[in-house]
């Protein structure tokens, strides 16, 4: 209630779903995905940020895109771009305050992102409960709200 909805355009690539293939996550090379953020979307998000409102992203690729499009002053910029941001534990989120996402597979960049957002132990606990309750994982499975 009272939450404006804005759309951004993402061209999600297969690389989003690939497992990490490095022992040290700092050496992972993130694939690049094209995006477009309209002036209206950026303005609405920035207004909500200024008013200390919640920015709820739907999907990890939306999270990555919004974080990538946020400049050093904390302003979400509009226009086209290429996002290759790899978010893993230790990342300081600048824009997204909550997200809706599905349960991701282990050893993926997506599980790293949600762990960076909520904390590794909270995610492991949520996943343990999901397994016990037979939730479905991956793109066509169940979803969770992380705040």
N, C-alpha and C. Protein backbone atom coordinates (compact mmCIF):
# COMPACT_ATOMS: atom_id res chain seq x y z
N UNK A 1 0.85 -1.18 0.00
CA UNK A 1 0.00 0.00 0.00
C UNK A 1 0.89 1.24 0.00
N UNK A 2 0.65 2.12 -0.93
CA UNK A 2 1.41 3.36 -0.99
C UNK A 2 2.80 3.21 -1.56
N UNK A 3 3.09 2.08 -2.17
CA UNK A 3 4.42 1.86 -2.75
C UNK A 3 4.31 2.04 -4.26
N UNK A 4 4.98 3.07 -4.82
CA UNK A 4 4.94 3.22 -6.28
C UNK A 4 5.70 2.08 -6.95
N UNK A 5 5.21 1.66 -8.09
CA UNK A 5 5.85 0.60 -8.85
C UNK A 5 6.46 1.21 -10.10
N UNK A 6 7.75 0.96 -10.30
CA UNK A 6 8.42 1.41 -11.52
C UNK A 6 9.05 0.19 -12.19
N UNK A 7 9.20 0.29 -13.49
CA UNK A 7 9.80 -0.80 -14.26
C UNK A 7 11.15 -0.37 -14.80
N UNK A 8 12.06 -1.34 -14.83
CA UNK A 8 13.33 -1.14 -15.52
C UNK A 8 13.45 -2.29 -16.52
N UNK A 9 14.21 -2.08 -17.57
CA UNK A 9 14.38 -3.11 -18.59
C UNK A 9 15.72 -3.81 -18.37
N UNK A 10 15.66 -5.15 -18.28
CA UNK A 10 16.87 -5.95 -18.10
C UNK A 10 16.95 -7.00 -19.20
N UNK A 11 18.13 -7.21 -19.70
CA UNK A 11 18.36 -8.28 -20.67
C UNK A 11 19.22 -9.32 -19.96
N UNK A 12 18.55 -10.22 -19.27
CA UNK A 12 19.22 -11.21 -18.42
C UNK A 12 19.88 -12.26 -19.29
N UNK A 13 21.14 -12.54 -18.99
CA UNK A 13 21.89 -13.53 -19.74
C UNK A 13 22.01 -14.84 -18.98
N UNK A 14 22.41 -15.88 -19.69
CA UNK A 14 22.58 -17.20 -19.09
C UNK A 14 23.62 -17.18 -17.97
N UNK A 15 24.58 -16.27 -18.07
CA UNK A 15 25.63 -16.19 -17.06
C UNK A 15 25.11 -15.97 -15.66
N UNK A 16 23.93 -15.40 -15.53
CA UNK A 16 23.31 -15.20 -14.22
C UNK A 16 23.18 -16.51 -13.47
N UNK A 17 22.96 -17.59 -14.18
CA UNK A 17 22.65 -18.87 -13.54
C UNK A 17 23.84 -19.82 -13.44
N UNK A 18 24.99 -19.40 -13.95
CA UNK A 18 26.17 -20.27 -13.90
C UNK A 18 26.74 -20.34 -12.49
N UNK A 19 27.26 -21.52 -12.11
CA UNK A 19 27.91 -21.62 -10.79
C UNK A 19 29.26 -20.89 -10.81
N UNK A 20 29.69 -20.47 -9.63
CA UNK A 20 31.02 -19.86 -9.51
C UNK A 20 32.05 -20.95 -9.75
N UNK A 21 33.13 -20.59 -10.43
CA UNK A 21 34.15 -21.59 -10.75
C UNK A 21 35.52 -21.19 -10.20
N UNK A 22 35.52 -20.41 -9.13
CA UNK A 22 36.78 -19.99 -8.52
C UNK A 22 36.75 -20.34 -7.04
N UNK A 23 37.93 -20.57 -6.47
CA UNK A 23 38.00 -20.86 -5.04
C UNK A 23 37.87 -19.59 -4.20
N UNK A 24 38.36 -18.48 -4.72
CA UNK A 24 38.29 -17.19 -4.04
C UNK A 24 37.29 -16.33 -4.79
N UNK A 25 36.14 -16.01 -4.15
CA UNK A 25 35.08 -15.29 -4.85
C UNK A 25 35.52 -13.93 -5.36
N UNK A 26 36.56 -13.36 -4.78
CA UNK A 26 37.04 -12.05 -5.24
C UNK A 26 37.61 -12.12 -6.65
N UNK A 27 37.88 -13.32 -7.13
CA UNK A 27 38.44 -13.50 -8.48
C UNK A 27 37.37 -13.85 -9.51
N UNK A 28 36.12 -13.93 -9.09
CA UNK A 28 35.04 -14.25 -10.03
C UNK A 28 34.83 -13.09 -11.01
N UNK A 29 34.74 -13.41 -12.27
CA UNK A 29 34.47 -12.42 -13.32
C UNK A 29 32.99 -12.49 -13.65
N UNK A 30 32.27 -11.43 -13.31
CA UNK A 30 30.83 -11.40 -13.54
C UNK A 30 30.53 -11.12 -15.00
N UNK A 31 29.54 -11.81 -15.54
CA UNK A 31 29.08 -11.55 -16.90
C UNK A 31 28.41 -10.17 -16.93
N UNK A 32 28.17 -9.67 -18.10
CA UNK A 32 27.57 -8.34 -18.26
C UNK A 32 26.17 -8.47 -18.85
N UNK A 33 25.25 -7.64 -18.33
CA UNK A 33 23.88 -7.64 -18.83
C UNK A 33 23.44 -6.21 -19.14
N UNK A 34 22.76 -6.05 -20.28
CA UNK A 34 22.28 -4.73 -20.68
C UNK A 34 21.03 -4.37 -19.88
N UNK A 35 20.88 -3.06 -19.62
CA UNK A 35 19.70 -2.59 -18.92
C UNK A 35 19.33 -1.19 -19.39
N UNK A 36 18.13 -0.78 -19.03
CA UNK A 36 17.68 0.58 -19.29
C UNK A 36 16.80 1.01 -18.12
N UNK A 37 17.10 2.19 -17.56
CA UNK A 37 16.31 2.79 -16.49
C UNK A 37 15.76 4.11 -17.03
N UNK A 38 14.44 4.23 -17.06
CA UNK A 38 13.83 5.46 -17.58
C UNK A 38 14.03 6.62 -16.60
N UNK A 39 13.91 7.81 -17.11
CA UNK A 39 14.00 9.03 -16.27
C UNK A 39 12.95 8.97 -15.16
N UNK A 40 11.73 8.57 -15.51
CA UNK A 40 10.66 8.48 -14.53
C UNK A 40 10.99 7.48 -13.42
N UNK A 41 11.52 6.31 -13.80
CA UNK A 41 11.87 5.29 -12.80
C UNK A 41 12.96 5.81 -11.87
N UNK A 42 14.01 6.40 -12.44
CA UNK A 42 15.11 6.92 -11.61
C UNK A 42 14.61 8.03 -10.68
N UNK A 43 13.79 8.92 -11.20
CA UNK A 43 13.25 10.02 -10.38
C UNK A 43 12.41 9.49 -9.23
N UNK A 44 11.56 8.52 -9.51
CA UNK A 44 10.70 7.94 -8.48
C UNK A 44 11.53 7.25 -7.40
N UNK A 45 12.52 6.47 -7.81
CA UNK A 45 13.39 5.77 -6.85
C UNK A 45 14.16 6.78 -6.01
N UNK A 46 14.73 7.79 -6.65
CA UNK A 46 15.50 8.79 -5.91
C UNK A 46 14.63 9.58 -4.93
N UNK A 47 13.41 9.85 -5.31
CA UNK A 47 12.49 10.55 -4.41
C UNK A 47 12.20 9.69 -3.18
N UNK A 48 11.94 8.40 -3.41
CA UNK A 48 11.69 7.47 -2.30
C UNK A 48 12.91 7.38 -1.39
N UNK A 49 14.10 7.32 -1.99
CA UNK A 49 15.33 7.26 -1.19
C UNK A 49 15.46 8.51 -0.33
N UNK A 50 15.20 9.66 -0.92
CA UNK A 50 15.31 10.93 -0.19
C UNK A 50 14.33 10.99 0.97
N UNK A 51 13.14 10.41 0.77
CA UNK A 51 12.11 10.39 1.81
C UNK A 51 12.29 9.23 2.79
N UNK A 52 13.41 8.51 2.66
CA UNK A 52 13.72 7.35 3.51
C UNK A 52 12.70 6.21 3.35
N UNK A 53 12.12 6.12 2.14
CA UNK A 53 11.19 5.04 1.85
C UNK A 53 11.92 3.78 1.46
N UNK A 54 11.20 2.68 1.43
CA UNK A 54 11.81 1.41 1.04
C UNK A 54 11.90 1.29 -0.48
N UNK A 55 13.00 0.74 -0.92
CA UNK A 55 13.20 0.41 -2.33
C UNK A 55 13.19 -1.11 -2.40
N UNK A 56 12.12 -1.67 -2.92
CA UNK A 56 11.95 -3.12 -2.98
C UNK A 56 12.20 -3.57 -4.42
N UNK A 57 13.25 -4.35 -4.61
CA UNK A 57 13.57 -4.87 -5.94
C UNK A 57 12.98 -6.26 -6.08
N UNK A 58 12.49 -6.56 -7.26
CA UNK A 58 11.96 -7.89 -7.55
C UNK A 58 13.00 -8.61 -8.41
N UNK A 59 13.70 -9.54 -7.80
CA UNK A 59 14.73 -10.31 -8.49
C UNK A 59 16.13 -9.79 -8.24
N UNK A 60 17.07 -10.72 -8.20
CA UNK A 60 18.46 -10.36 -7.94
C UNK A 60 19.07 -9.54 -9.07
N UNK A 61 18.64 -9.78 -10.31
CA UNK A 61 19.19 -8.98 -11.40
C UNK A 61 18.73 -7.53 -11.29
N UNK A 62 17.53 -7.31 -10.78
CA UNK A 62 17.07 -5.94 -10.53
C UNK A 62 17.89 -5.29 -9.42
N UNK A 63 18.22 -6.08 -8.40
CA UNK A 63 19.07 -5.56 -7.31
C UNK A 63 20.41 -5.13 -7.88
N UNK A 64 21.05 -6.01 -8.64
CA UNK A 64 22.36 -5.70 -9.21
C UNK A 64 22.30 -4.45 -10.08
N UNK A 65 21.27 -4.37 -10.90
CA UNK A 65 21.14 -3.23 -11.81
C UNK A 65 20.96 -1.92 -11.05
N UNK A 66 20.08 -1.90 -10.07
CA UNK A 66 19.86 -0.67 -9.30
C UNK A 66 21.11 -0.26 -8.54
N UNK A 67 21.81 -1.22 -7.98
CA UNK A 67 23.05 -0.90 -7.26
C UNK A 67 24.11 -0.38 -8.24
N UNK A 68 24.20 -1.00 -9.40
CA UNK A 68 25.17 -0.58 -10.41
C UNK A 68 24.88 0.83 -10.90
N UNK A 69 23.60 1.15 -11.05
CA UNK A 69 23.19 2.46 -11.59
C UNK A 69 23.23 3.56 -10.54
N UNK A 70 23.57 3.23 -9.31
CA UNK A 70 23.66 4.23 -8.25
C UNK A 70 25.05 4.84 -8.26
N UNK A 71 25.13 6.15 -8.44
CA UNK A 71 26.44 6.81 -8.51
C UNK A 71 27.04 7.02 -7.12
N UNK A 72 28.24 7.58 -7.07
CA UNK A 72 28.96 7.76 -5.80
C UNK A 72 28.24 8.67 -4.83
N UNK A 73 27.30 9.48 -5.33
CA UNK A 73 26.51 10.36 -4.46
C UNK A 73 25.21 9.70 -4.00
N UNK A 74 25.02 8.43 -4.36
CA UNK A 74 23.83 7.71 -3.94
C UNK A 74 22.61 7.94 -4.80
N UNK A 75 22.81 8.53 -5.97
CA UNK A 75 21.71 8.84 -6.89
C UNK A 75 21.62 7.75 -7.96
N UNK A 76 20.41 7.23 -8.17
CA UNK A 76 20.19 6.27 -9.25
C UNK A 76 20.10 7.05 -10.55
N UNK A 77 20.95 6.69 -11.50
CA UNK A 77 21.01 7.39 -12.78
C UNK A 77 20.12 6.69 -13.81
N UNK A 78 19.56 7.48 -14.72
CA UNK A 78 18.71 6.92 -15.77
C UNK A 78 19.54 6.66 -17.01
N UNK A 79 18.93 5.91 -17.93
CA UNK A 79 19.57 5.64 -19.21
C UNK A 79 19.97 4.19 -19.37
N UNK A 80 20.63 3.89 -20.51
CA UNK A 80 21.07 2.52 -20.77
C UNK A 80 22.41 2.26 -20.09
N UNK A 81 22.72 0.98 -19.93
CA UNK A 81 24.01 0.62 -19.36
C UNK A 81 24.28 -0.86 -19.50
N UNK A 82 25.47 -1.24 -19.05
CA UNK A 82 25.93 -2.63 -19.04
C UNK A 82 26.34 -2.94 -17.60
N UNK A 83 25.64 -3.83 -16.94
CA UNK A 83 25.93 -4.14 -15.54
C UNK A 83 26.77 -5.41 -15.44
N UNK A 84 27.92 -5.28 -14.79
CA UNK A 84 28.76 -6.45 -14.51
C UNK A 84 29.14 -6.50 -13.03
N UNK A 85 28.29 -5.93 -12.20
CA UNK A 85 28.54 -5.86 -10.76
C UNK A 85 28.36 -7.23 -10.11
N UNK A 86 29.38 -7.67 -9.39
CA UNK A 86 29.30 -8.92 -8.63
C UNK A 86 29.15 -8.53 -7.17
N UNK A 87 28.01 -8.86 -6.58
CA UNK A 87 27.73 -8.52 -5.19
C UNK A 87 27.93 -9.77 -4.35
N UNK A 88 28.82 -9.67 -3.38
CA UNK A 88 29.09 -10.79 -2.47
C UNK A 88 29.26 -10.23 -1.06
N UNK A 89 29.28 -11.09 -0.03
CA UNK A 89 29.35 -10.59 1.35
C UNK A 89 30.45 -9.55 1.54
N UNK A 90 30.06 -8.48 2.21
CA UNK A 90 30.94 -7.33 2.41
C UNK A 90 30.49 -6.12 1.61
N UNK A 91 29.68 -6.35 0.58
CA UNK A 91 29.16 -5.26 -0.24
C UNK A 91 28.24 -4.38 0.59
N UNK A 92 28.35 -3.07 0.42
CA UNK A 92 27.49 -2.11 1.12
C UNK A 92 26.40 -1.63 0.16
N UNK A 93 25.18 -2.04 0.41
CA UNK A 93 24.06 -1.67 -0.46
C UNK A 93 23.77 -0.19 -0.31
N UNK A 94 23.52 0.46 -1.46
CA UNK A 94 23.29 1.90 -1.50
C UNK A 94 21.84 2.26 -1.79
N UNK A 95 21.12 1.39 -2.46
CA UNK A 95 19.78 1.74 -2.93
C UNK A 95 18.72 0.76 -2.46
N UNK A 96 18.89 -0.50 -2.72
CA UNK A 96 17.87 -1.50 -2.43
C UNK A 96 17.79 -1.76 -0.92
N UNK A 97 16.56 -1.69 -0.39
CA UNK A 97 16.35 -1.93 1.05
C UNK A 97 15.64 -3.25 1.32
N UNK A 98 14.98 -3.80 0.32
CA UNK A 98 14.28 -5.09 0.43
C UNK A 98 14.25 -5.72 -0.95
N UNK A 99 14.06 -7.04 -0.96
CA UNK A 99 13.95 -7.71 -2.25
C UNK A 99 13.02 -8.91 -2.17
N UNK A 100 12.44 -9.23 -3.31
CA UNK A 100 11.69 -10.47 -3.48
C UNK A 100 12.52 -11.30 -4.45
N UNK A 101 12.84 -12.51 -4.06
CA UNK A 101 13.65 -13.37 -4.92
C UNK A 101 13.32 -14.82 -4.62
N UNK A 102 13.71 -15.69 -5.52
CA UNK A 102 13.48 -17.10 -5.30
C UNK A 102 14.65 -17.71 -4.53
N UNK A 103 14.58 -18.99 -4.26
CA UNK A 103 15.65 -19.70 -3.57
C UNK A 103 16.66 -20.16 -4.62
N UNK A 104 17.89 -19.72 -4.47
CA UNK A 104 18.92 -19.94 -5.48
C UNK A 104 19.76 -21.17 -5.18
N UNK A 105 20.41 -21.65 -6.22
CA UNK A 105 21.26 -22.82 -6.08
C UNK A 105 22.57 -22.46 -5.41
N UNK A 106 23.17 -23.43 -4.70
CA UNK A 106 24.46 -23.17 -4.05
C UNK A 106 25.54 -22.84 -5.08
N UNK A 107 26.58 -22.19 -4.61
CA UNK A 107 27.76 -21.86 -5.42
C UNK A 107 27.41 -20.98 -6.62
N UNK A 108 26.41 -20.13 -6.48
CA UNK A 108 26.04 -19.22 -7.57
C UNK A 108 26.27 -17.78 -7.14
N UNK A 109 26.39 -16.89 -8.11
CA UNK A 109 26.52 -15.47 -7.79
C UNK A 109 25.25 -14.97 -7.10
N UNK A 110 24.13 -15.61 -7.36
CA UNK A 110 22.86 -15.19 -6.78
C UNK A 110 22.80 -15.48 -5.28
N UNK A 111 23.33 -16.62 -4.87
CA UNK A 111 23.35 -16.94 -3.43
C UNK A 111 24.33 -16.01 -2.72
N UNK A 112 25.38 -15.60 -3.41
CA UNK A 112 26.32 -14.64 -2.83
C UNK A 112 25.63 -13.29 -2.61
N UNK A 113 24.82 -12.88 -3.57
CA UNK A 113 24.11 -11.60 -3.46
C UNK A 113 23.15 -11.61 -2.27
N UNK A 114 22.32 -12.65 -2.15
CA UNK A 114 21.37 -12.66 -1.04
C UNK A 114 22.08 -12.80 0.30
N UNK A 115 23.22 -13.49 0.32
CA UNK A 115 24.02 -13.59 1.55
C UNK A 115 24.62 -12.24 1.92
N UNK A 116 25.03 -11.48 0.92
CA UNK A 116 25.54 -10.13 1.18
C UNK A 116 24.44 -9.24 1.74
N UNK A 117 23.23 -9.45 1.28
CA UNK A 117 22.11 -8.61 1.68
C UNK A 117 21.61 -8.94 3.08
N UNK A 118 21.39 -10.21 3.36
CA UNK A 118 20.75 -10.62 4.62
C UNK A 118 21.72 -11.19 5.65
N UNK A 119 22.91 -11.53 5.21
CA UNK A 119 23.86 -12.19 6.10
C UNK A 119 23.84 -13.69 5.84
N UNK A 120 25.01 -14.28 5.85
CA UNK A 120 25.15 -15.70 5.52
C UNK A 120 24.33 -16.59 6.45
N UNK A 121 24.40 -16.34 7.76
CA UNK A 121 23.70 -17.22 8.70
C UNK A 121 22.18 -17.14 8.53
N UNK A 122 21.66 -15.95 8.27
CA UNK A 122 20.21 -15.81 8.05
C UNK A 122 19.78 -16.56 6.79
N UNK A 123 20.57 -16.47 5.75
CA UNK A 123 20.24 -17.18 4.51
C UNK A 123 20.33 -18.68 4.70
N UNK A 124 21.39 -19.16 5.37
CA UNK A 124 21.51 -20.59 5.63
C UNK A 124 20.32 -21.10 6.44
N UNK A 125 19.89 -20.33 7.42
CA UNK A 125 18.73 -20.70 8.24
C UNK A 125 17.46 -20.75 7.39
N UNK A 126 17.25 -19.75 6.56
CA UNK A 126 16.07 -19.73 5.68
C UNK A 126 16.10 -20.91 4.71
N UNK A 127 17.27 -21.23 4.18
CA UNK A 127 17.37 -22.33 3.24
C UNK A 127 17.14 -23.66 3.93
N UNK A 128 17.61 -23.80 5.17
CA UNK A 128 17.38 -25.03 5.93
C UNK A 128 15.88 -25.24 6.13
N UNK A 129 15.18 -24.18 6.49
CA UNK A 129 13.72 -24.27 6.65
C UNK A 129 13.05 -24.59 5.31
N UNK A 130 13.52 -23.98 4.25
CA UNK A 130 12.95 -24.24 2.92
C UNK A 130 13.11 -25.71 2.53
N UNK A 131 14.25 -26.28 2.84
CA UNK A 131 14.50 -27.69 2.54
C UNK A 131 13.56 -28.57 3.37
N UNK A 132 13.46 -28.26 4.66
CA UNK A 132 12.59 -29.05 5.55
C UNK A 132 11.13 -28.99 5.12
N UNK A 133 10.71 -27.87 4.56
CA UNK A 133 9.31 -27.70 4.16
C UNK A 133 9.07 -27.98 2.67
N UNK A 134 10.09 -28.55 2.03
CA UNK A 134 10.00 -28.94 0.61
C UNK A 134 9.69 -27.79 -0.34
N UNK A 135 10.27 -26.62 -0.08
CA UNK A 135 10.12 -25.51 -1.01
C UNK A 135 10.85 -25.87 -2.30
N UNK A 136 10.41 -25.26 -3.38
CA UNK A 136 11.08 -25.48 -4.66
C UNK A 136 12.12 -24.38 -4.87
N UNK A 137 13.26 -24.78 -5.38
CA UNK A 137 14.36 -23.86 -5.59
C UNK A 137 14.45 -23.46 -7.06
N UNK A 138 15.26 -22.44 -7.33
CA UNK A 138 15.64 -21.96 -8.64
C UNK A 138 14.52 -21.14 -9.28
N UNK A 139 14.62 -20.89 -10.54
CA UNK A 139 13.82 -19.87 -11.22
C UNK A 139 12.31 -20.07 -11.18
N UNK A 140 11.85 -21.28 -11.14
CA UNK A 140 10.40 -21.51 -11.14
C UNK A 140 9.93 -22.06 -9.79
N UNK A 141 10.68 -21.78 -8.76
CA UNK A 141 10.35 -22.27 -7.43
C UNK A 141 9.66 -21.24 -6.57
N UNK A 142 9.76 -21.46 -5.27
CA UNK A 142 9.15 -20.56 -4.30
C UNK A 142 9.99 -19.30 -4.14
N UNK A 143 9.41 -18.29 -3.53
CA UNK A 143 10.09 -17.01 -3.37
C UNK A 143 10.15 -16.60 -1.91
N UNK A 144 10.99 -15.62 -1.63
CA UNK A 144 11.09 -15.08 -0.27
C UNK A 144 11.22 -13.56 -0.35
N UNK A 145 10.79 -12.92 0.72
CA UNK A 145 10.92 -11.47 0.86
C UNK A 145 12.03 -11.23 1.88
N UNK A 146 13.07 -10.51 1.47
CA UNK A 146 14.21 -10.24 2.35
C UNK A 146 14.25 -8.75 2.64
N UNK A 147 14.31 -8.43 3.92
CA UNK A 147 14.37 -7.02 4.30
C UNK A 147 15.40 -6.80 5.39
